[in-house]
Amino acid sequence: MPERRRSKLVVLANRLPVHRAGDGEWHTSPGGLVRAVLPIMKARTGAWVGWPGSSSRTPRLWTHEGVRLWPVAVPEREMDEYYGGMSNRTLWPLFHDAIRAPEFEPKWWEAYESANQRFVARALRAAGRRAQWWVHDYHLMLAPRLLRSARPAARVGFFLHIPFPPEELFAWLPWRRQLLDGLLGADVVGFQTHAAARNFSRAARRWTRAEGTDHELHIDGRKVSVDAFPISIDIDEFESLARDPSVIARSQQIRRRVGARRRIILAVDRIDYTKGIELRLEAFEAALTRGDITADRCVLIQIAVPSREATPEYMETRDRVERLVGRINGQFSTPGRVAVHYFRRQLAGDELVSYYLAADVMLVTPLRDGMNLVAKEFIACRLDNSGVLVLSEFAGAAEQFRRALLVNPRDFAAMGATLNRAMSLPRREAIMRMAIMRMLLRRHDVHEWADTFLRALERA
């Protein structure tokens, strides 16, 4: 391919941002990474290297809405071990405070190394000689060093979308030094929060030759900048949907269907054990039992987006959630007054916004989360500054949105009391809190996030 057709900004991520569904139509791939990065790549006309979602037949290079897509071929068995094993049964639970015990399998690590090499080989074909690489997330933590080895003068950035664990947990990992060396191949290593950046820098100084501070490391004669770059959303896109008459009409229809005078408590999560769905339902059940709230006064709408459905841990989470919903509804629902409305499916963007508009209270209560863009999407949609956000202290978003009602999701009594407070918060106070959060979100949208990171990379 001629040099002029190669891209100057190349994103490496586990998945391509779009996939062709069974209906033959293009659909945006799920997940916060895609929702945040795709608008940036559309604006910059770059290239995106990732797995197309199937190991059967890898499509050729193609362009979608101005973004050049470079699919990576990964054999099925290797994908199972690299993605299903090392990424999601080792790194994911470990980096989320070991909520579930991580598993350590040498064959998974070998697949992880091999897959990272495949992604980098494809990325080198996509990039011009003066390209900048932007590597994303825990699936590709070896890629920065591999890119550095192939192109020593290149600019390489890495951004981790999930938390980075403290030293005492990271120490569990048999391949801790290799992962740190991989990340130290970047010029800029970015995290969602200052705590995560600090955890990484301290681990690097402990287990590698790196020296320096929490924000600047030195290794092999190179400087590596380390900082927090809280990810965000395209607020204009959500505000536009929130003004759409059809979306507004659908939100009003939702309210009528559940009972116009009932307060709607909304939760939107992937089905994942880190999201705290089970504890949230149990806290809601406990509040109903104590009489803090009643099914006549409020309804919980839980939208659960399918995720990694073939993985045993996720199947177990789904089954427990559905049993809890059945138990709560069996005890507390009355004719015409269901306590919990539960939907296990992915919603289109306009449909999701209609739920954001219908809700009085948004419950975002993960046990651990890098950021959580659902909280930001809800804020973006509240054009009249109405609505109350109840936010877990353990979500990265809590570092920015101190005006939310912050809660420990493991504290059932506090959850019930916070729910009660959220539904009875004086309107003036609710508007003040939401207005401040909307101002912060407007100031720090997804474009500001990307510009800040890429400027740091250019200065590196």
Foldseek 3Di string as FASTA:
>chain_A
DDLVQFFQEEEEDAEDQWAQDPVRDIDGDDDPVSQQCVVVCLVRLHEYEYARPDQPDWDCWDDDNSYIYHHFHDHPVLCCLLPVACVPQAVVCLQQVVPDPHDADPVSVVSLVVVLVRRLVSRVVRHRLAHEYEYEADSNLQNLQVNCVVRVPYAYEYEHFWAGDAPVSCVVHPCSLSSLNSNVSHQEYEAQDLVRLQRSVVSCVVRHVWDDHSAWIDDPNGIHGTYYQRAFHDLVVLQVLLPDPVLQVLLVVVCVQQDVQAAEEEEEEEQDQQQLLLLLLVLLLVLCVVVLDALVRYAYEYEYEYDPCVRVVSVVSVVSNVVSLVVSQVVGADVSRGRYHYHYHDDPPSNVLSNLVNHQEYERAGQAGRADHVQNSSLSSPPQLGHAYEHEPRHSNCVVQVLHNYDHSNDSVRSSVVVSCSVVPPRVSSSVSSVVVSVSCVVRHSVNSVVVSVVSSVVD
